[in-house]
Amino acid sequence: MSGILIGLAVAIGLGFTVMVIRSTPANPVRFAGAIARQQRLALKTLQRANPGLGKREGWLKALETRPLFQEHELHQLLEDVSKAARARGAPLTFGDLVAELAILEYSRRVPTAKQAQDKFPEMRAAVQAAIPEDI
């Protein structure tokens, strides 16, 4: 009986260790690309399920699939990225939103001392490469 409990405790501990290791973004560029692919899939799935869904509504619903963010944070992100796009005279794209989301999520998951902030432009490029502009 105690052997089963010890085995169960070890299995749970190993499972937790694997989850922590997998959720730590070791390579920020790959991390951003993976988030972009997930968000592109989420948006396409939402668009198929709700054909009459507005563009920004769809974007927000897709962004809501990220577990680290609350709805009000995503609305603020949309507003901030929209202002930045207007300031540079470019239209807002889903790729812009996802790039900032990926950087924000990376910043939350990785301690400041270990962050590779010099990789942020490469993270944006990885997101832009994974998400077409016409989405």
N, C-alpha and C. Protein backbone atom coordinates (compact mmCIF):
# COMPACT_ATOMS: atom_id res chain seq x y z
N MET A 1 0.81 -1.19 0.00
CA MET A 1 0.00 0.00 0.00
C MET A 1 0.86 1.27 0.00
N SER A 2 1.89 1.30 0.86
CA SER A 2 2.74 2.48 0.92
C SER A 2 3.56 2.61 -0.37
N GLY A 3 3.88 1.49 -1.01
CA GLY A 3 4.60 1.53 -2.28
C GLY A 3 3.78 2.21 -3.36
N ILE A 4 2.48 1.96 -3.36
CA ILE A 4 1.59 2.59 -4.33
C ILE A 4 1.52 4.09 -4.09
N LEU A 5 1.42 4.48 -2.83
CA LEU A 5 1.36 5.91 -2.51
C LEU A 5 2.65 6.62 -2.88
N ILE A 6 3.79 5.97 -2.61
CA ILE A 6 5.08 6.57 -2.98
C ILE A 6 5.19 6.68 -4.49
N GLY A 7 4.79 5.64 -5.19
CA GLY A 7 4.82 5.67 -6.66
C GLY A 7 3.92 6.76 -7.22
N LEU A 8 2.74 6.92 -6.63
CA LEU A 8 1.82 7.96 -7.06
C LEU A 8 2.40 9.35 -6.81
N ALA A 9 3.02 9.53 -5.66
CA ALA A 9 3.65 10.83 -5.33
C ALA A 9 4.78 11.15 -6.30
N VAL A 10 5.59 10.14 -6.63
CA VAL A 10 6.69 10.35 -7.58
C VAL A 10 6.14 10.69 -8.96
N ALA A 11 5.09 9.99 -9.39
CA ALA A 11 4.50 10.25 -10.70
C ALA A 11 3.94 11.68 -10.77
N ILE A 12 3.27 12.11 -9.73
CA ILE A 12 2.72 13.48 -9.70
C ILE A 12 3.85 14.50 -9.72
N GLY A 13 4.90 14.24 -8.95
CA GLY A 13 6.06 15.14 -8.93
C GLY A 13 6.72 15.24 -10.29
N LEU A 14 6.90 14.11 -10.97
CA LEU A 14 7.49 14.13 -12.30
C LEU A 14 6.60 14.86 -13.30
N GLY A 15 5.30 14.61 -13.20
CA GLY A 15 4.37 15.29 -14.09
C GLY A 15 4.42 16.80 -13.90
N PHE A 16 4.46 17.24 -12.66
CA PHE A 16 4.55 18.67 -12.38
C PHE A 16 5.85 19.25 -12.92
N THR A 17 6.95 18.53 -12.75
CA THR A 17 8.25 18.99 -13.24
C THR A 17 8.23 19.15 -14.76
N VAL A 18 7.66 18.18 -15.46
CA VAL A 18 7.58 18.25 -16.91
C VAL A 18 6.72 19.44 -17.33
N MET A 19 5.60 19.68 -16.64
CA MET A 19 4.74 20.82 -16.98
C MET A 19 5.47 22.13 -16.79
N VAL A 20 6.22 22.27 -15.72
CA VAL A 20 6.94 23.52 -15.46
C VAL A 20 8.01 23.74 -16.51
N ILE A 21 8.74 22.70 -16.85
CA ILE A 21 9.80 22.82 -17.86
C ILE A 21 9.21 23.18 -19.22
N ARG A 22 8.10 22.54 -19.60
CA ARG A 22 7.51 22.81 -20.90
C ARG A 22 6.90 24.20 -20.98
N SER A 23 6.44 24.75 -19.87
CA SER A 23 5.81 26.06 -19.92
C SER A 23 6.82 27.20 -19.81
N THR A 24 8.08 26.90 -19.59
CA THR A 24 9.11 27.93 -19.51
C THR A 24 9.66 28.18 -20.91
N PRO A 25 9.50 29.36 -21.45
CA PRO A 25 9.96 29.63 -22.81
C PRO A 25 11.48 29.82 -22.89
N ALA A 26 12.19 28.75 -23.22
CA ALA A 26 13.65 28.83 -23.30
C ALA A 26 14.11 29.62 -24.52
N ASN A 27 13.41 29.48 -25.62
CA ASN A 27 13.75 30.20 -26.84
C ASN A 27 12.61 31.18 -27.14
N PRO A 28 12.82 32.46 -26.89
CA PRO A 28 11.72 33.42 -27.04
C PRO A 28 11.16 33.52 -28.45
N VAL A 29 11.98 33.32 -29.46
CA VAL A 29 11.50 33.44 -30.84
C VAL A 29 10.57 32.26 -31.17
N ARG A 30 10.98 31.05 -30.78
CA ARG A 30 10.10 29.89 -30.99
C ARG A 30 8.83 30.01 -30.16
N PHE A 31 8.96 30.54 -28.96
CA PHE A 31 7.81 30.75 -28.09
C PHE A 31 6.80 31.67 -28.77
N ALA A 32 7.26 32.78 -29.32
CA ALA A 32 6.38 33.73 -30.01
C ALA A 32 5.74 33.09 -31.24
N GLY A 33 6.53 32.32 -31.99
CA GLY A 33 5.99 31.64 -33.17
C GLY A 33 4.91 30.64 -32.80
N ALA A 34 5.11 29.92 -31.70
CA ALA A 34 4.11 28.94 -31.25
C ALA A 34 2.82 29.65 -30.83
N ILE A 35 2.95 30.76 -30.12
CA ILE A 35 1.75 31.51 -29.74
C ILE A 35 1.03 32.01 -30.98
N ALA A 36 1.78 32.48 -31.97
CA ALA A 36 1.17 32.98 -33.21
C ALA A 36 0.39 31.87 -33.91
N ARG A 37 0.97 30.69 -34.00
CA ARG A 37 0.26 29.58 -34.66
C ARG A 37 -1.00 29.20 -33.87
N GLN A 38 -0.92 29.21 -32.55
CA GLN A 38 -2.09 28.90 -31.73
C GLN A 38 -3.17 29.95 -31.91
N GLN A 39 -2.78 31.22 -31.94
CA GLN A 39 -3.75 32.29 -32.09
C GLN A 39 -4.38 32.29 -33.48
N ARG A 40 -3.59 31.99 -34.50
CA ARG A 40 -4.12 31.91 -35.87
C ARG A 40 -5.18 30.80 -35.94
N LEU A 41 -4.89 29.65 -35.34
CA LEU A 41 -5.84 28.55 -35.32
C LEU A 41 -7.10 28.92 -34.53
N ALA A 42 -6.91 29.57 -33.38
CA ALA A 42 -8.06 29.97 -32.56
C ALA A 42 -8.96 30.94 -33.35
N LEU A 43 -8.34 31.89 -34.03
CA LEU A 43 -9.12 32.86 -34.80
C LEU A 43 -9.87 32.19 -35.95
N LYS A 44 -9.20 31.31 -36.68
CA LYS A 44 -9.86 30.63 -37.80
C LYS A 44 -11.01 29.76 -37.30
N THR A 45 -10.83 29.11 -36.18
CA THR A 45 -11.89 28.27 -35.61
C THR A 45 -13.08 29.14 -35.20
N LEU A 46 -12.81 30.26 -34.57
CA LEU A 46 -13.89 31.18 -34.17
C LEU A 46 -14.62 31.74 -35.40
N GLN A 47 -13.87 32.07 -36.43
CA GLN A 47 -14.50 32.63 -37.64
C GLN A 47 -15.39 31.60 -38.32
N ARG A 48 -14.97 30.32 -38.30
CA ARG A 48 -15.81 29.28 -38.90
C ARG A 48 -17.07 29.04 -38.07
N ALA A 49 -16.93 29.08 -36.75
CA ALA A 49 -18.07 28.83 -35.87
C ALA A 49 -19.05 30.01 -35.84
N ASN A 50 -18.53 31.21 -36.02
CA ASN A 50 -19.35 32.44 -35.97
C ASN A 50 -19.06 33.30 -37.19
N PRO A 51 -19.65 32.98 -38.34
CA PRO A 51 -19.33 33.72 -39.57
C PRO A 51 -19.64 35.21 -39.50
N GLY A 52 -20.59 35.63 -38.69
CA GLY A 52 -20.96 37.04 -38.61
C GLY A 52 -20.16 37.82 -37.58
N LEU A 53 -19.17 37.20 -37.00
CA LEU A 53 -18.38 37.84 -35.95
C LEU A 53 -17.54 38.98 -36.54
N GLY A 54 -17.57 40.14 -35.90
CA GLY A 54 -16.79 41.28 -36.35
C GLY A 54 -15.29 41.01 -36.21
N LYS A 55 -14.52 41.79 -36.93
CA LYS A 55 -13.07 41.60 -36.95
C LYS A 55 -12.45 41.75 -35.56
N ARG A 56 -12.69 42.87 -34.92
CA ARG A 56 -12.11 43.11 -33.59
C ARG A 56 -12.68 42.17 -32.54
N GLU A 57 -13.97 41.87 -32.65
CA GLU A 57 -14.58 40.91 -31.72
C GLU A 57 -13.90 39.55 -31.84
N GLY A 58 -13.68 39.13 -33.05
CA GLY A 58 -13.01 37.85 -33.29
C GLY A 58 -11.60 37.85 -32.75
N TRP A 59 -10.90 38.95 -32.96
CA TRP A 59 -9.53 39.06 -32.45
C TRP A 59 -9.52 38.94 -30.93
N LEU A 60 -10.43 39.66 -30.27
CA LEU A 60 -10.48 39.61 -28.81
C LEU A 60 -10.85 38.22 -28.30
N LYS A 61 -11.80 37.57 -28.96
CA LYS A 61 -12.19 36.23 -28.54
C LYS A 61 -11.03 35.25 -28.71
N ALA A 62 -10.27 35.40 -29.78
CA ALA A 62 -9.10 34.54 -29.98
C ALA A 62 -8.05 34.80 -28.91
N LEU A 63 -7.82 36.06 -28.60
CA LEU A 63 -6.84 36.40 -27.56
C LEU A 63 -7.27 35.89 -26.20
N GLU A 64 -8.57 35.79 -25.97
CA GLU A 64 -9.07 35.30 -24.69
C GLU A 64 -8.73 33.84 -24.43
N THR A 65 -8.24 33.14 -25.44
CA THR A 65 -7.85 31.74 -25.23
C THR A 65 -6.53 31.61 -24.48
N ARG A 66 -5.80 32.70 -24.31
CA ARG A 66 -4.55 32.67 -23.55
C ARG A 66 -4.89 32.69 -22.06
N PRO A 67 -4.40 31.72 -21.30
CA PRO A 67 -4.82 31.59 -19.90
C PRO A 67 -4.25 32.64 -18.94
N LEU A 68 -3.18 33.32 -19.29
CA LEU A 68 -2.57 34.26 -18.36
C LEU A 68 -3.24 35.63 -18.31
N PHE A 69 -4.21 35.86 -19.18
CA PHE A 69 -4.75 37.21 -19.32
C PHE A 69 -6.23 37.27 -19.01
N GLN A 70 -6.62 38.36 -18.38
CA GLN A 70 -8.03 38.62 -18.11
C GLN A 70 -8.58 39.50 -19.22
N GLU A 71 -9.89 39.52 -19.31
CA GLU A 71 -10.54 40.24 -20.41
C GLU A 71 -10.18 41.72 -20.43
N HIS A 72 -10.16 42.37 -19.29
CA HIS A 72 -9.85 43.80 -19.27
C HIS A 72 -8.40 44.06 -19.71
N GLU A 73 -7.50 43.14 -19.44
CA GLU A 73 -6.11 43.30 -19.89
C GLU A 73 -6.03 43.20 -21.42
N LEU A 74 -6.83 42.31 -21.98
CA LEU A 74 -6.82 42.15 -23.44
C LEU A 74 -7.44 43.36 -24.13
N HIS A 75 -8.48 43.93 -23.53
CA HIS A 75 -9.07 45.16 -24.08
C HIS A 75 -8.04 46.30 -24.04
N GLN A 76 -7.30 46.39 -22.96
CA GLN A 76 -6.26 47.42 -22.83
C GLN A 76 -5.16 47.18 -23.87
N LEU A 77 -4.78 45.93 -24.07
CA LEU A 77 -3.78 45.58 -25.07
C LEU A 77 -4.25 46.01 -26.46
N LEU A 78 -5.50 45.72 -26.78
CA LEU A 78 -6.06 46.10 -28.07
C LEU A 78 -6.01 47.62 -28.24
N GLU A 79 -6.37 48.34 -27.21
CA GLU A 79 -6.35 49.81 -27.27
C GLU A 79 -4.93 50.34 -27.46
N ASP A 80 -3.99 49.80 -26.68
CA ASP A 80 -2.59 50.26 -26.77
C ASP A 80 -1.98 49.97 -28.13
N VAL A 81 -2.20 48.78 -28.65
CA VAL A 81 -1.63 48.42 -29.95
C VAL A 81 -2.31 49.21 -31.06
N SER A 82 -3.59 49.47 -30.91
CA SER A 82 -4.31 50.28 -31.88
C SER A 82 -3.75 51.71 -31.93
N LYS A 83 -3.49 52.29 -30.76
CA LYS A 83 -2.90 53.64 -30.71
C LYS A 83 -1.51 53.65 -31.35
N ALA A 84 -0.72 52.62 -31.08
CA ALA A 84 0.63 52.55 -31.65
C ALA A 84 0.56 52.44 -33.17
N ALA A 85 -0.40 51.68 -33.68
CA ALA A 85 -0.55 51.54 -35.14
C ALA A 85 -0.95 52.87 -35.76
N ARG A 86 -1.89 53.56 -35.12
CA ARG A 86 -2.31 54.88 -35.64
C ARG A 86 -1.15 55.86 -35.62
N ALA A 87 -0.32 55.80 -34.57
CA ALA A 87 0.82 56.72 -34.45
C ALA A 87 1.83 56.51 -35.57
N ARG A 88 1.99 55.29 -36.00
CA ARG A 88 2.95 55.04 -37.08
C ARG A 88 2.28 55.07 -38.46
N GLY A 89 0.97 55.35 -38.48
CA GLY A 89 0.25 55.50 -39.73
C GLY A 89 -0.02 54.20 -40.45
N ALA A 90 -0.12 53.12 -39.72
CA ALA A 90 -0.36 51.81 -40.31
C ALA A 90 -1.67 51.24 -39.77
N PRO A 91 -2.31 50.39 -40.55
CA PRO A 91 -3.53 49.76 -40.03
C PRO A 91 -3.19 48.72 -38.96
N LEU A 92 -4.10 48.54 -38.03
CA LEU A 92 -3.93 47.54 -36.99
C LEU A 92 -4.14 46.16 -37.60
N THR A 93 -3.24 45.24 -37.28
CA THR A 93 -3.38 43.87 -37.77
C THR A 93 -3.42 42.90 -36.60
N PHE A 94 -3.96 41.72 -36.86
CA PHE A 94 -4.00 40.68 -35.83
C PHE A 94 -2.58 40.28 -35.44
N GLY A 95 -1.67 40.31 -36.39
CA GLY A 95 -0.27 40.01 -36.11
C GLY A 95 0.35 40.98 -35.11
N ASP A 96 -0.01 42.27 -35.22
CA ASP A 96 0.48 43.26 -34.26
C ASP A 96 0.02 42.91 -32.85
N LEU A 97 -1.26 42.57 -32.73
CA LEU A 97 -1.81 42.21 -31.42
C LEU A 97 -1.13 40.98 -30.84
N VAL A 98 -0.98 39.96 -31.66
CA VAL A 98 -0.39 38.71 -31.18
C VAL A 98 1.08 38.91 -30.82
N ALA A 99 1.79 39.73 -31.58
CA ALA A 99 3.19 39.99 -31.26
C ALA A 99 3.32 40.62 -29.88
N GLU A 100 2.49 41.60 -29.59
CA GLU A 100 2.55 42.24 -28.27
C GLU A 100 2.08 41.28 -27.18
N LEU A 101 1.09 40.46 -27.50
CA LEU A 101 0.62 39.45 -26.54
C LEU A 101 1.74 38.47 -26.21
N ALA A 102 2.47 38.02 -27.23
CA ALA A 102 3.56 37.06 -27.01
C ALA A 102 4.67 37.68 -26.16
N ILE A 103 4.99 38.92 -26.42
CA ILE A 103 6.04 39.60 -25.63
C ILE A 103 5.57 39.79 -24.19
N LEU A 104 4.32 40.16 -24.01
CA LEU A 104 3.79 40.34 -22.67
C LEU A 104 3.75 39.01 -21.91
N GLU A 105 3.33 37.95 -22.59
CA GLU A 105 3.29 36.64 -21.93
C GLU A 105 4.70 36.16 -21.58
N TYR A 106 5.64 36.37 -22.49
CA TYR A 106 7.04 36.02 -22.22
C TYR A 106 7.55 36.78 -21.00
N SER A 107 7.23 38.07 -20.94
CA SER A 107 7.67 38.90 -19.82
C SER A 107 7.08 38.43 -18.50
N ARG A 108 5.88 37.89 -18.54
CA ARG A 108 5.24 37.40 -17.32
C ARG A 108 5.80 36.04 -16.89
N ARG A 109 6.15 35.22 -17.86
CA ARG A 109 6.59 33.86 -17.53
C ARG A 109 8.07 33.77 -17.15
N VAL A 110 8.87 34.66 -17.67
CA VAL A 110 10.32 34.59 -17.46
C VAL A 110 10.74 35.70 -16.49
N PRO A 111 11.51 35.35 -15.47
CA PRO A 111 11.98 36.39 -14.55
C PRO A 111 12.77 37.46 -15.30
N THR A 112 12.66 38.69 -14.85
CA THR A 112 13.29 39.83 -15.53
C THR A 112 14.78 39.61 -15.76
N ALA A 113 15.47 39.04 -14.80
CA ALA A 113 16.91 38.84 -14.92
C ALA A 113 17.26 37.87 -16.05
N LYS A 114 16.34 36.99 -16.42
CA LYS A 114 16.61 35.99 -17.46
C LYS A 114 16.00 36.33 -18.81
N GLN A 115 15.31 37.45 -18.90
CA GLN A 115 14.65 37.81 -20.15
C GLN A 115 15.66 38.24 -21.21
N ALA A 116 15.40 37.83 -22.43
CA ALA A 116 16.23 38.22 -23.57
C ALA A 116 15.48 39.32 -24.33
N GLN A 117 15.49 40.53 -23.78
CA GLN A 117 14.72 41.62 -24.37
C GLN A 117 15.26 42.03 -25.74
N ASP A 118 16.50 41.69 -26.02
CA ASP A 118 17.05 41.99 -27.34
C ASP A 118 16.40 41.12 -28.42
N LYS A 119 15.67 40.11 -28.02
CA LYS A 119 14.99 39.21 -28.96
C LYS A 119 13.59 39.69 -29.32
N PHE A 120 13.10 40.76 -28.71
CA PHE A 120 11.74 41.23 -28.97
C PHE A 120 11.49 41.52 -30.45
N PRO A 121 12.41 42.19 -31.17
CA PRO A 121 12.16 42.39 -32.62
C PRO A 121 12.06 41.07 -33.39
N GLU A 122 12.88 40.10 -33.01
CA GLU A 122 12.82 38.79 -33.66
C GLU A 122 11.52 38.07 -33.32
N MET A 123 11.04 38.27 -32.10
CA MET A 123 9.76 37.68 -31.71
C MET A 123 8.63 38.28 -32.54
N ARG A 124 8.67 39.60 -32.74
CA ARG A 124 7.66 40.25 -33.58
C ARG A 124 7.72 39.70 -35.01
N ALA A 125 8.92 39.53 -35.52
CA ALA A 125 9.08 39.01 -36.89
C ALA A 125 8.56 37.58 -37.00
N ALA A 126 8.79 36.76 -35.98
CA ALA A 126 8.29 35.37 -35.99
C ALA A 126 6.77 35.34 -36.02
N VAL A 127 6.17 36.25 -35.27
CA VAL A 127 4.70 36.32 -35.26
C VAL A 127 4.18 36.78 -36.62
N GLN A 128 4.80 37.83 -37.17
CA GLN A 128 4.37 38.34 -38.48
C GLN A 128 4.51 37.28 -39.57
N ALA A 129 5.54 36.44 -39.45
CA ALA A 129 5.75 35.38 -40.44
C ALA A 129 4.67 34.29 -40.33
N ALA A 130 4.15 34.09 -39.12
CA ALA A 130 3.17 33.02 -38.90
C ALA A 130 1.73 33.46 -39.15
N ILE A 131 1.48 34.77 -39.13
CA ILE A 131 0.11 35.27 -39.28
C ILE A 131 0.04 36.17 -40.51
N PRO A 132 -0.72 35.77 -41.53
CA PRO A 132 -0.86 36.62 -42.71
C PRO A 132 -1.58 37.93 -42.38
N GLU A 133 -1.27 38.96 -43.13
CA GLU A 133 -1.84 40.28 -42.85
C GLU A 133 -3.33 40.37 -43.11
N ASP A 134 -3.87 39.48 -43.95
CA ASP A 134 -5.27 39.58 -44.32
C ASP A 134 -6.22 38.90 -43.33
N ILE A 135 -5.68 38.38 -42.23
CA ILE A 135 -6.56 37.75 -41.21
C ILE A 135 -7.22 38.84 -40.41
